[in-house]
PDB file of N, CA and C in Angstrom:
ATOM      1  N   MET A   1     101.771  14.511  50.590  1.00  0.00           N
ATOM      2  CA  MET A   1     101.835  16.092  51.107  1.00  0.00           C
ATOM      3  C   MET A   1     103.304  16.783  51.402  1.00  0.00           C
ATOM      4  N   PRO A   2     103.060  17.891  51.097  1.00  0.00           N
ATOM      5  CA  PRO A   2     104.142  18.745  51.693  1.00  0.00           C
ATOM      6  C   PRO A   2     104.912  18.669  53.192  1.00  0.00           C
ATOM      7  N   SER A   3     106.768  18.454  53.286  1.00  0.00           N
ATOM      8  CA  SER A   3     106.825  18.359  54.502  1.00  0.00           C
ATOM      9  C   SER A   3     107.297  19.546  54.740  1.00  0.00           C
ATOM     10  N   ILE A   4     107.787  20.150  56.429  1.00  0.00           N
ATOM     11  CA  ILE A   4     108.111  21.195  56.750  1.00  0.00           C
ATOM     12  C   ILE A   4     108.890  20.684  57.667  1.00  0.00           C
ATOM     13  N   SER A   5     110.115  21.439  58.092  1.00  0.00           N
ATOM     14  CA  SER A   5     111.172  20.921  59.108  1.00  0.00           C
ATOM     15  C   SER A   5     112.012  22.139  59.944  1.00  0.00           C
ATOM     16  N   ILE A   6     112.046  22.236  60.978  1.00  0.00           N
ATOM     17  CA  ILE A   6     112.059  23.559  61.754  1.00  0.00           C
ATOM     18  C   ILE A   6     113.500  22.685  62.566  1.00  0.00           C
ATOM     19  N   ARG A   7     114.243  23.739  61.950  1.00  0.00           N
ATOM     20  CA  ARG A   7     115.846  23.469  62.357  1.00  0.00           C
ATOM     21  C   ARG A   7     115.675  24.349  64.045  1.00  0.00           C
ATOM     22  N   ASN A   8     116.785  24.221  64.815  1.00  0.00           N
ATOM     23  CA  ASN A   8     117.338  25.138  66.087  1.00  0.00           C
ATOM     24  C   ASN A   8     115.878  24.888  66.999  1.00  0.00           C
ATOM     25  N   VAL A   9     115.783  23.827  67.551  1.00  0.00           N
ATOM     26  CA  VAL A   9     114.107  24.213  68.043  1.00  0.00           C
ATOM     27  C   VAL A   9     115.048  23.579  69.393  1.00  0.00           C
ATOM     28  N   PRO A  10     115.064  24.544  70.187  1.00  0.00           N
ATOM     29  CA  PRO A  10     115.599  23.978  71.870  1.00  0.00           C
ATOM     30  C   PRO A  10     115.310  22.559  72.401  1.00  0.00           C
ATOM     31  N   GLU A  11     116.074  22.281  72.928  1.00  0.00           N
ATOM     32  CA  GLU A  11     116.182  20.935  73.645  1.00  0.00           C
ATOM     33  C   GLU A  11     115.030  20.852  74.667  1.00  0.00           C
ATOM     34  N   ALA A  12     114.496  21.894  75.448  1.00  0.00           N
ATOM     35  CA  ALA A  12     113.979  21.808  76.561  1.00  0.00           C
ATOM     36  C   ALA A  12     112.465  22.275  76.206  1.00  0.00           C
ATOM     37  N   THR A  13     112.142  23.084  74.808  1.00  0.00           N
ATOM     38  CA  THR A  13     110.779  22.881  73.956  1.00  0.00           C
ATOM     39  C   THR A  13     110.889  21.855  73.274  1.00  0.00           C
ATOM     40  N   ARG A  14     111.437  21.030  72.640  1.00  0.00           N
ATOM     41  CA  ARG A  14     111.670  19.990  71.951  1.00  0.00           C
ATOM     42  C   ARG A  14     110.948  18.564  73.376  1.00  0.00           C
ATOM     43  N   ASP A  15     111.480  18.558  74.661  1.00  0.00           N
ATOM     44  CA  ASP A  15     111.210  17.625  75.378  1.00  0.00           C
ATOM     45  C   ASP A  15     109.039  17.896  75.911  1.00  0.00           C
ATOM     46  N   ALA A  16     109.057  19.167  75.882  1.00  0.00           N
ATOM     47  CA  ALA A  16     107.999  19.889  76.439  1.00  0.00           C
ATOM     48  C   ALA A  16     107.069  19.472  75.889  1.00  0.00           C
ATOM     49  N   LEU A  17     107.165  19.580  74.037  1.00  0.00           N
ATOM     50  CA  LEU A  17     106.257  19.291  73.248  1.00  0.00           C
ATOM     51  C   LEU A  17     106.074  17.115  72.984  1.00  0.00           C
ATOM     52  N   ALA A  18     107.267  17.000  73.585  1.00  0.00           N
ATOM     53  CA  ALA A  18     106.885  15.407  73.189  1.00  0.00           C
ATOM     54  C   ALA A  18     106.434  14.747  73.990  1.00  0.00           C
ATOM     55  N   ALA A  19     106.210  15.386  75.566  1.00  0.00           N
ATOM     56  CA  ALA A  19     105.383  15.154  76.604  1.00  0.00           C
ATOM     57  C   ALA A  19     104.269  15.527  76.445  1.00  0.00           C
ATOM     58  N   LYS A  20     104.112  16.478  76.077  1.00  0.00           N
ATOM     59  CA  LYS A  20     102.495  17.036  75.532  1.00  0.00           C
ATOM     60  C   LYS A  20     102.351  16.057  74.228  1.00  0.00           C
ATOM     61  N   ALA A  21     102.889  15.475  73.530  1.00  0.00           N
ATOM     62  CA  ALA A  21     102.369  14.551  72.859  1.00  0.00           C
ATOM     63  C   ALA A  21     102.278  13.248  73.683  1.00  0.00           C
ATOM     64  N   ALA A  22     102.865  12.747  74.200  1.00  0.00           N
ATOM     65  CA  ALA A  22     102.881  11.580  74.988  1.00  0.00           C
ATOM     66  C   ALA A  22     101.718  11.515  76.250  1.00  0.00           C
ATOM     67  N   LEU A  23     101.517  12.505  76.409  1.00  0.00           N
ATOM     68  CA  LEU A  23      99.968  12.762  77.160  1.00  0.00           C
ATOM     69  C   LEU A  23      98.743  13.168  76.371  1.00  0.00           C
ATOM     70  N   ALA A  24      98.722  12.865  75.240  1.00  0.00           N
ATOM     71  CA  ALA A  24      97.582  13.189  74.225  1.00  0.00           C
ATOM     72  C   ALA A  24      97.489  11.941  73.701  1.00  0.00           C
ATOM     73  N   GLY A  25      98.786  10.734  74.350  1.00  0.00           N
ATOM     74  CA  GLY A  25      98.626   9.558  72.881  1.00  0.00           C
ATOM     75  C   GLY A  25      98.969   9.793  71.750  1.00  0.00           C
ATOM     76  N   GLN A  26     100.087  10.382  71.651  1.00  0.00           N
ATOM     77  CA  GLN A  26     100.205  10.540  69.658  1.00  0.00           C
ATOM     78  C   GLN A  26     101.791  10.589  69.627  1.00  0.00           C
ATOM     79  N   SER A  27     102.234  10.429  69.161  1.00  0.00           N
ATOM     80  CA  SER A  27     103.715  10.322  68.328  1.00  0.00           C
ATOM     81  C   SER A  27     103.593  12.181  68.601  1.00  0.00           C
ATOM     82  N   LEU A  28     105.296  12.412  68.545  1.00  0.00           N
ATOM     83  CA  LEU A  28     105.519  14.109  68.429  1.00  0.00           C
ATOM     84  C   LEU A  28     104.998  14.612  67.158  1.00  0.00           C
ATOM     85  N   GLN A  29     105.671  13.249  66.078  1.00  0.00           N
ATOM     86  CA  GLN A  29     104.833  13.873  64.893  1.00  0.00           C
ATOM     87  C   GLN A  29     103.417  14.277  64.430  1.00  0.00           C
ATOM     88  N   GLU A  30     102.452  12.918  65.216  1.00  0.00           N
ATOM     89  CA  GLU A  30     101.325  13.514  65.106  1.00  0.00           C
ATOM     90  C   GLU A  30     100.721  14.499  66.058  1.00  0.00           C
ATOM     91  N   TYR A  31     101.356  14.669  67.129  1.00  0.00           N
ATOM     92  CA  TYR A  31     100.538  15.819  67.436  1.00  0.00           C
ATOM     93  C   TYR A  31     100.963  16.904  67.138  1.00  0.00           C
ATOM     94  N   LEU A  32     102.738  17.603  66.728  1.00  0.00           N
ATOM     95  CA  LEU A  32     103.040  19.068  65.983  1.00  0.00           C
ATOM     96  C   LEU A  32     101.534  18.699  64.669  1.00  0.00           C
ATOM     97  N   LEU A  33     101.757  17.526  63.736  1.00  0.00           N
ATOM     98  CA  LEU A  33     100.519  18.075  62.612  1.00  0.00           C
ATOM     99  C   LEU A  33      99.707  18.374  63.219  1.00  0.00           C
ATOM    100  N   ALA A  34      98.790  17.535  64.223  1.00  0.00           N
ATOM    101  CA  ALA A  34      97.485  18.032  64.612  1.00  0.00           C
ATOM    102  C   ALA A  34      97.532  19.645  65.362  1.00  0.00           C
ATOM    103  N   GLN A  35      98.634  20.274  65.701  1.00  0.00           N
ATOM    104  CA  GLN A  35      99.042  21.184  66.578  1.00  0.00           C
ATOM    105  C   GLN A  35      98.465  22.103  65.104  1.00  0.00           C
ATOM    106  N   LEU A  36      99.837  21.711  64.048  1.00  0.00           N
ATOM    107  CA  LEU A  36      99.814  22.936  62.624  1.00  0.00           C
ATOM    108  C   LEU A  36      98.389  22.670  62.474  1.00  0.00           C
ATOM    109  N   VAL A  37      97.624  21.557  61.946  1.00  0.00           N
ATOM    110  CA  VAL A  37      96.539  21.787  60.900  1.00  0.00           C
ATOM    111  C   VAL A  37      95.576  22.683  61.867  1.00  0.00           C
ATOM    112  N   GLU A  38      95.743  22.560  63.568  1.00  0.00           N
ATOM    113  CA  GLU A  38      94.798  23.437  63.903  1.00  0.00           C
ATOM    114  C   GLU A  38      94.819  25.087  64.090  1.00  0.00           C
ATOM    115  N   ILE A  39      96.386  25.241  63.882  1.00  0.00           N
ATOM    116  CA  ILE A  39      96.495  26.885  64.320  1.00  0.00           C
ATOM    117  C   ILE A  39      96.323  27.425  62.491  1.00  0.00           C
ATOM    118  N   GLY A  40      96.964  26.222  61.217  1.00  0.00           N
ATOM    119  CA  GLY A  40      96.621  26.836  60.186  1.00  0.00           C
ATOM    120  C   GLY A  40      94.746  26.827  59.636  1.00  0.00           C
ATOM    121  N   GLY A  41      93.843  26.360  60.722  1.00  0.00           N
ATOM    122  CA  GLY A  41      92.331  26.572  60.334  1.00  0.00           C
ATOM    123  C   GLY A  41      91.637  27.536  61.056  1.00  0.00           C
ATOM    124  N   ARG A  42      92.431  28.175  61.305  1.00  0.00           N
ATOM    125  CA  ARG A  42      92.078  29.057  62.432  1.00  0.00           C
ATOM    126  C   ARG A  42      91.960  30.497  61.376  1.00  0.00           C
ATOM    127  N   VAL A  43      90.608  31.213  62.101  1.00  0.00           N
ATOM    128  CA  VAL A  43      90.865  32.416  61.281  1.00  0.00           C
ATOM    129  C   VAL A  43      90.864  33.424  62.138  1.00  0.00           C
ATOM    130  N   GLU A  44      92.197  34.519  61.802  1.00  0.00           N
ATOM    131  CA  GLU A  44      92.747  35.232  62.223  1.00  0.00           C
ATOM    132  C   GLU A  44      92.080  36.587  62.541  1.00  0.00           C
ATOM    133  N   LEU A  45      91.646  37.621  63.473  1.00  0.00           N
ATOM    134  CA  LEU A  45      90.827  38.296  64.055  1.00  0.00           C
ATOM    135  C   LEU A  45      91.298  39.751  63.062  1.00  0.00           C
ATOM    136  N   ALA A  46      92.756  40.039  62.395  1.00  0.00           N
ATOM    137  CA  ALA A  46      92.942  40.996  60.991  1.00  0.00           C
ATOM    138  C   ALA A  46      92.352  39.911  59.795  1.00  0.00           C
ATOM    139  N   GLU A  47      92.195  39.065  59.451  1.00  0.00           N
ATOM    140  CA  GLU A  47      91.327  38.702  58.244  1.00  0.00           C
ATOM    141  C   GLU A  47      89.874  38.954  58.593  1.00  0.00           C
ATOM    142  N   ILE A  48      89.351  38.522  60.010  1.00  0.00           N
ATOM    143  CA  ILE A  48      88.132  38.799  60.050  1.00  0.00           C
ATOM    144  C   ILE A  48      87.872  40.484  59.547  1.00  0.00           C
ATOM    145  N   LEU A  49      88.448  41.044  60.127  1.00  0.00           N
ATOM    146  CA  LEU A  49      88.651  42.879  60.321  1.00  0.00           C
ATOM    147  C   LEU A  49      88.375  43.000  58.955  1.00  0.00           C
ATOM    148  N   ALA A  50      89.141  42.228  57.817  1.00  0.00           N
ATOM    149  CA  ALA A  50      89.804  42.619  56.511  1.00  0.00           C
ATOM    150  C   ALA A  50      88.697  42.561  55.456  1.00  0.00           C
ATOM    151  N   GLU A  51      87.878  41.512  56.188  1.00  0.00           N
ATOM    152  CA  GLU A  51      86.741  41.063  55.488  1.00  0.00           C
ATOM    153  C   GLU A  51      85.495  41.474  55.445  1.00  0.00           C
ATOM    154  N   MET A  52      85.182  42.316  57.070  1.00  0.00           N
ATOM    155  CA  MET A  52      84.466  43.113  57.830  1.00  0.00           C
ATOM    156  C   MET A  52      84.423  44.463  56.478  1.00  0.00           C
ATOM    157  N   ASN A  53      85.824  44.858  56.197  1.00  0.00           N
ATOM    158  CA  ASN A  53      85.896  46.541  55.957  1.00  0.00           C
ATOM    159  C   ASN A  53      85.633  45.950  54.242  1.00  0.00           C
ATOM    160  N   ASN A  54      85.747  44.644  53.938  1.00  0.00           N
ATOM    161  CA  ASN A  54      85.522  44.764  52.975  1.00  0.00           C
ATOM    162  C   ASN A  54      84.492  44.208  52.349  1.00  0.00           C
ATOM    163  N   ILE A  55      83.228  43.808  53.169  1.00  0.00           N
ATOM    164  CA  ILE A  55      82.056  43.946  52.939  1.00  0.00           C
ATOM    165  C   ILE A  55      81.374  45.626  53.285  1.00  0.00           C
ATOM    166  N   ALA A  56      81.973  45.878  54.091  1.00  0.00           N
ATOM    167  CA  ALA A  56      81.359  47.219  54.443  1.00  0.00           C
ATOM    168  C   ALA A  56      81.871  48.126  53.181  1.00  0.00           C
ATOM    169  N   SER A  57      82.450  48.166  52.620  1.00  0.00           N
ATOM    170  CA  SER A  57      83.262  48.974  51.310  1.00  0.00           C
ATOM    171  C   SER A  57      82.338  48.582  49.968  1.00  0.00           C
ATOM    172  N   VAL A  58      81.773  47.541  49.938  1.00  0.00           N
ATOM    173  CA  VAL A  58      80.247  47.164  48.984  1.00  0.00           C
ATOM    174  C   VAL A  58      79.671  47.970  49.252  1.00  0.00           C
ATOM    175  N   TRP A  59      79.440  47.750  50.778  1.00  0.00           N
ATOM    176  CA  TRP A  59      77.682  48.180  51.170  1.00  0.00           C
ATOM    177  C   TRP A  59      77.553  50.050  51.237  1.00  0.00           C
ATOM    178  N   GLU A  60      78.828  50.463  50.767  1.00  0.00           N
ATOM    179  CA  GLU A  60      79.117  51.989  51.391  1.00  0.00           C
ATOM    180  C   GLU A  60      79.144  52.052  52.833  1.00  0.00           C
ATOM    181  N   SER A  61      78.726  51.265  53.716  1.00  0.00           N
ATOM    182  CA  SER A  61      78.634  51.886  54.901  1.00  0.00           C
ATOM    183  C   SER A  61      79.432  52.420  56.252  1.00  0.00           C
ATOM    184  N   SER A  62      78.931  53.196  56.600  1.00  0.00           N
ATOM    185  CA  SER A  62      79.642  54.400  57.260  1.00  0.00           C
ATOM    186  C   SER A  62      80.309  53.630  58.866  1.00  0.00           C
ATOM    187  N   VAL A  63      79.251  52.453  59.270  1.00  0.00           N
ATOM    188  CA  VAL A  63      80.279  51.413  59.725  1.00  0.00           C
ATOM    189  C   VAL A  63      82.057  51.383  60.090  1.00  0.00           C
ATOM    190  N   THR A  64      82.013  51.391  61.190  1.00  0.00           N
ATOM    191  CA  THR A  64      83.805  50.945  61.234  1.00  0.00           C
ATOM    192  C   THR A  64      83.796  49.736  61.464  1.00  0.00           C
ATOM    193  N   SER A  65      84.929  48.892  60.875  1.00  0.00           N
ATOM    194  CA  SER A  65      85.205  47.484  61.872  1.00  0.00           C
ATOM    195  C   SER A  65      85.764  47.358  63.240  1.00  0.00           C
ATOM    196  N   GLU A  66      86.016  49.004  63.689  1.00  0.00           N
ATOM    197  CA  GLU A  66      86.290  49.191  65.108  1.00  0.00           C
ATOM    198  C   GLU A  66      85.484  49.996  65.664  1.00  0.00           C
ATOM    199  N   GLN A  67      84.466  50.223  65.466  1.00  0.00           N
ATOM    200  CA  GLN A  67      82.905  50.537  66.128  1.00  0.00           C
ATOM    201  C   GLN A  67      82.197  48.848  65.627  1.00  0.00           C
ATOM    202  N   ILE A  68      82.539  47.974  65.564  1.00  0.00           N
ATOM    203  CA  ILE A  68      81.632  46.909  65.193  1.00  0.00           C
ATOM    204  C   ILE A  68      82.496  46.490  66.746  1.00  0.00           C
ATOM    205  N   LEU A  69      83.973  46.569  66.843  1.00  0.00           N
ATOM    206  CA  LEU A  69      84.351  45.349  67.821  1.00  0.00           C
ATOM    207  C   LEU A  69      83.901  46.471  68.995  1.00  0.00           C
ATOM    208  N   ASP A  70      83.475  47.412  68.886  1.00  0.00           N
ATOM    209  CA  ASP A  70      83.469  48.390  70.428  1.00  0.00           C
ATOM    210  C   ASP A  70      82.308  47.839  70.683  1.00  0.00           C
ATOM    211  N   ALA A  71      81.260  47.463  69.913  1.00  0.00           N
ATOM    212  CA  ALA A  71      79.791  47.042  69.954  1.00  0.00           C
ATOM    213  C   ALA A  71      79.275  46.029  70.287  1.00  0.00           C
ATOM    214  N   VAL A  72      80.394  44.998  70.081  1.00  0.00           N
ATOM    215  CA  VAL A  72      80.394  43.541  70.690  1.00  0.00           C
ATOM    216  C   VAL A  72      80.905  43.625  71.768  1.00  0.00           C
ATOM    217  N   HIS A  73      82.746  44.425  73.039  1.00  0.00           N
ATOM    218  CA  HIS A  73      82.951  44.141  73.575  1.00  0.00           C
ATOM    219  C   HIS A  73      81.942  45.191  74.660  1.00  0.00           C
ATOM    220  N   ASP A  74      81.010  46.168  74.392  1.00  0.00           N
ATOM    221  CA  ASP A  74      79.595  46.717  75.106  1.00  0.00           C
ATOM    222  C   ASP A  74      79.034  45.785  75.218  1.00  0.00           C
ATOM    223  N   GLY A  75      78.515  45.012  74.571  1.00  0.00           N
ATOM    224  CA  GLY A  75      77.223  43.840  74.772  1.00  0.00           C
ATOM    225  C   GLY A  75      77.843  42.348  76.023  1.00  0.00           C
ATOM    226  N   ARG A  76      79.176  42.108  75.429  1.00  0.00           N
ATOM    227  CA  ARG A  76      79.968  41.194  76.264  1.00  0.00           C
ATOM    228  C   ARG A  76      80.130  41.872  78.297  1.00  0.00           C
ATOM    229  N   ARG A  77      80.054  43.186  77.724  1.00  0.00           N
ATOM    230  CA  ARG A  77      80.320  43.379  79.012  1.00  0.00           C
ATOM    231  C   ARG A  77      79.050  43.539  79.680  1.00  0.00           C
ATOM    232  N   GLU A  78      78.313  43.868  78.879  1.00  0.00           N
ATOM    233  CA  GLU A  78      76.852  44.061  79.554  1.00  0.00           C
ATOM    234  C   GLU A  78      76.540  42.558  80.397  1.00  0.00           C
ATOM    235  N   ALA A  79      76.771  41.495  79.131  1.00  0.00           N
ATOM    236  CA  ALA A  79      76.218  40.416  80.063  1.00  0.00           C
ATOM    237  C   ALA A  79      76.881  39.939  80.875  1.00  0.00           C
ATOM    238  N   ASP A  80      77.787  40.177  81.004  1.00  0.00           N
ATOM    239  CA  ASP A  80      79.108  39.577  81.888  1.00  0.00           C
ATOM    240  C   ASP A  80      78.744  40.447  83.298  1.00  0.00           C
ATOM    241  N   GLU A  81      78.069  42.023  83.195  1.00  0.00           N
ATOM    242  CA  GLU A  81      77.120  42.437  84.375  1.00  0.00           C
ATOM    243  C   GLU A  81      76.180  41.530  84.878  1.00  0.00           C
ATOM    244  N   LYS A  82      75.338  41.803  83.565  1.00  0.00           N
ATOM    245  CA  LYS A  82      73.964  40.822  84.106  1.00  0.00           C
ATOM    246  C   LYS A  82      74.331  39.912  85.111  1.00  0.00           C
ATOM    247  N   TRP A  83      75.259  38.764  84.836  1.00  0.00           N
ATOM    248  CA  TRP A  83      75.880  37.275  85.126  1.00  0.00           C
ATOM    249  C   TRP A  83      76.571  37.919  86.727  1.00  0.00           C
ATOM    250  N   GLU A  84      76.863  38.313  86.591  1.00  0.00           N
ATOM    251  CA  GLU A  84      77.060  39.284  87.906  1.00  0.00           C
ATOM    252  C   GLU A  84      76.216  39.831  89.276  1.00  0.00           C
ATOM    253  N   ARG A  85      75.197  39.967  88.889  1.00  0.00           N
ATOM    254  CA  ARG A  85      73.984  40.332  89.670  1.00  0.00           C
ATOM    255  C   ARG A  85      73.502  39.356  90.036  1.00  0.00           C
ATOM    256  N   LEU A  86      73.262  38.306  89.348  1.00  0.00           N
ATOM    257  CA  LEU A  86      72.470  37.226  89.481  1.00  0.00           C
ATOM    258  C   LEU A  86      73.402  36.564  89.915  1.00  0.00           C
TER     259      LEU A  86
END
């Protein structure tokens, strides 16, 4: 398995990460590896938008990723307003 080295980490940052590792019952190495695996596995919004644009171009859709995001945000806003009325 490849290794990653990070130089010039501020001491306060190293100490904060070591404390978080201790709270998780892990060594600093285990904690940082778990964090990196989690970060590496995340799908970023830019990746999702790029894939949506690829799909839209194949389907020759006139709907843009921005319009889709606007619709999602509108739906979330409506749901929030509905819950606030309850």
